[in-house]
């Protein structure tokens, strides 16, 4: 019943899209912050 409601109704599809979007945004932010930290550490080592 829950799966049918999730995939079969407009609100369910909107909820599913929102969940997937939030997960993708979290993954992007993790990689973005990780790269910025590495870049900042690299620049800090070059300043010495």
N, C-alpha and C. Protein backbone atom coordinates (compact mmCIF):
# COMPACT_ATOMS: atom_id res chain seq x y z
N UNK A 1 0.81 -1.19 0.00
CA UNK A 1 0.00 0.00 0.00
C UNK A 1 0.86 1.26 0.00
N UNK A 2 1.89 1.29 0.83
CA UNK A 2 2.74 2.48 0.92
C UNK A 2 3.51 2.70 -0.38
N UNK A 3 4.00 1.61 -0.98
CA UNK A 3 4.74 1.75 -2.24
C UNK A 3 3.82 2.25 -3.35
N UNK A 4 2.61 1.77 -3.38
CA UNK A 4 1.64 2.21 -4.39
C UNK A 4 1.33 3.69 -4.22
N UNK A 5 1.19 4.13 -2.99
CA UNK A 5 0.92 5.53 -2.71
C UNK A 5 2.12 6.40 -3.06
N UNK A 6 3.33 5.89 -2.78
CA UNK A 6 4.55 6.66 -3.07
C UNK A 6 4.74 6.84 -4.57
N UNK A 7 4.56 5.77 -5.35
CA UNK A 7 4.82 5.85 -6.78
C UNK A 7 3.57 6.18 -7.61
N UNK A 8 2.40 6.09 -7.02
CA UNK A 8 1.18 6.25 -7.78
C UNK A 8 0.47 7.58 -7.66
N UNK A 9 0.83 8.38 -6.67
CA UNK A 9 0.13 9.65 -6.51
C UNK A 9 1.08 10.82 -6.78
N UNK A 10 0.50 11.96 -7.04
CA UNK A 10 1.31 13.15 -7.30
C UNK A 10 2.12 13.56 -6.07
N UNK A 11 1.50 13.52 -4.93
CA UNK A 11 2.20 13.88 -3.69
C UNK A 11 3.31 12.88 -3.38
N UNK A 12 3.06 11.62 -3.64
CA UNK A 12 4.09 10.60 -3.42
C UNK A 12 5.28 10.81 -4.33
N UNK A 13 5.03 11.11 -5.60
CA UNK A 13 6.13 11.36 -6.53
C UNK A 13 6.90 12.62 -6.15
N UNK A 14 6.19 13.65 -5.70
CA UNK A 14 6.86 14.87 -5.26
C UNK A 14 7.71 14.59 -4.02
N UNK A 15 7.21 13.79 -3.13
CA UNK A 15 7.98 13.41 -1.93
C UNK A 15 9.22 12.61 -2.32
N UNK A 16 9.06 11.68 -3.23
CA UNK A 16 10.19 10.87 -3.68
C UNK A 16 11.24 11.75 -4.35
N UNK A 17 10.80 12.68 -5.20
CA UNK A 17 11.74 13.60 -5.84
C UNK A 17 12.47 14.44 -4.80
N UNK A 18 11.77 14.89 -3.78
CA UNK A 18 12.39 15.70 -2.73
C UNK A 18 13.44 14.91 -1.96
N UNK A 19 13.12 13.67 -1.64
CA UNK A 19 14.07 12.82 -0.91
C UNK A 19 15.33 12.59 -1.74
N UNK A 20 15.15 12.27 -3.02
CA UNK A 20 16.30 12.02 -3.90
C UNK A 20 17.12 13.30 -4.07
N UNK A 21 16.45 14.43 -4.21
CA UNK A 21 17.15 15.71 -4.38
C UNK A 21 17.99 16.03 -3.14
N UNK A 22 17.44 15.83 -1.96
CA UNK A 22 18.17 16.13 -0.73
C UNK A 22 19.39 15.21 -0.58
N UNK A 23 19.24 13.93 -0.94
CA UNK A 23 20.36 13.00 -0.86
C UNK A 23 21.46 13.40 -1.84
N UNK A 24 21.08 13.78 -3.06
CA UNK A 24 22.07 14.22 -4.05
C UNK A 24 22.77 15.49 -3.61
N UNK A 25 22.02 16.41 -3.03
CA UNK A 25 22.63 17.66 -2.54
C UNK A 25 23.61 17.38 -1.41
N UNK A 26 23.28 16.46 -0.53
CA UNK A 26 24.18 16.11 0.57
C UNK A 26 25.47 15.49 0.04
N UNK A 27 25.36 14.62 -0.96
CA UNK A 27 26.55 14.01 -1.56
C UNK A 27 27.41 15.08 -2.22
N UNK A 28 26.78 16.01 -2.95
CA UNK A 28 27.52 17.09 -3.58
C UNK A 28 28.25 17.94 -2.54
N UNK A 29 27.57 18.28 -1.45
CA UNK A 29 28.19 19.12 -0.43
C UNK A 29 29.37 18.41 0.23
N UNK A 30 29.27 17.12 0.44
CA UNK A 30 30.39 16.37 1.03
C UNK A 30 31.61 16.46 0.12
N UNK A 31 31.44 16.23 -1.18
CA UNK A 31 32.56 16.30 -2.10
C UNK A 31 33.08 17.72 -2.25
N UNK A 32 32.19 18.72 -2.26
CA UNK A 32 32.59 20.11 -2.38
C UNK A 32 33.43 20.54 -1.18
N UNK A 33 32.97 20.24 0.02
CA UNK A 33 33.70 20.62 1.22
C UNK A 33 35.02 19.87 1.31
N UNK A 34 35.02 18.60 0.96
CA UNK A 34 36.25 17.82 0.99
C UNK A 34 37.30 18.40 0.05
N UNK A 35 36.89 18.80 -1.15
CA UNK A 35 37.83 19.39 -2.10
C UNK A 35 38.33 20.75 -1.62
N UNK A 36 37.44 21.55 -1.02
CA UNK A 36 37.87 22.86 -0.50
C UNK A 36 38.86 22.70 0.65
N UNK A 37 38.66 21.72 1.51
CA UNK A 37 39.59 21.48 2.61
C UNK A 37 40.95 21.07 2.06
N UNK A 38 40.96 20.18 1.08
CA UNK A 38 42.24 19.76 0.49
C UNK A 38 42.94 20.94 -0.18
N UNK A 39 42.17 21.77 -0.88
CA UNK A 39 42.76 22.93 -1.54
C UNK A 39 43.30 23.91 -0.51
N UNK A 40 42.60 24.14 0.57
CA UNK A 40 43.05 25.05 1.61
C UNK A 40 44.32 24.51 2.29
N UNK A 41 44.37 23.21 2.56
CA UNK A 41 45.57 22.62 3.15
C UNK A 41 46.76 22.75 2.21
N UNK A 42 46.52 22.53 0.92
CA UNK A 42 47.59 22.64 -0.07
C UNK A 42 48.12 24.08 -0.12
N UNK A 43 47.22 25.05 -0.11
CA UNK A 43 47.64 26.46 -0.14
C UNK A 43 48.36 26.85 1.15
N UNK A 44 47.94 26.30 2.27
CA UNK A 44 48.56 26.61 3.53
C UNK A 44 49.99 26.07 3.56
N UNK A 45 50.21 24.88 3.01
CA UNK A 45 51.57 24.30 2.96
C UNK A 45 52.47 25.11 2.04
N UNK A 46 51.92 25.66 0.95
CA UNK A 46 52.74 26.43 0.03
C UNK A 46 53.13 27.79 0.60
N UNK A 47 52.37 28.33 1.53
CA UNK A 47 52.68 29.62 2.11
C UNK A 47 53.86 29.56 3.06
N UNK A 48 54.15 28.43 3.60
CA UNK A 48 55.25 28.30 4.58
C UNK A 48 56.58 28.43 3.95
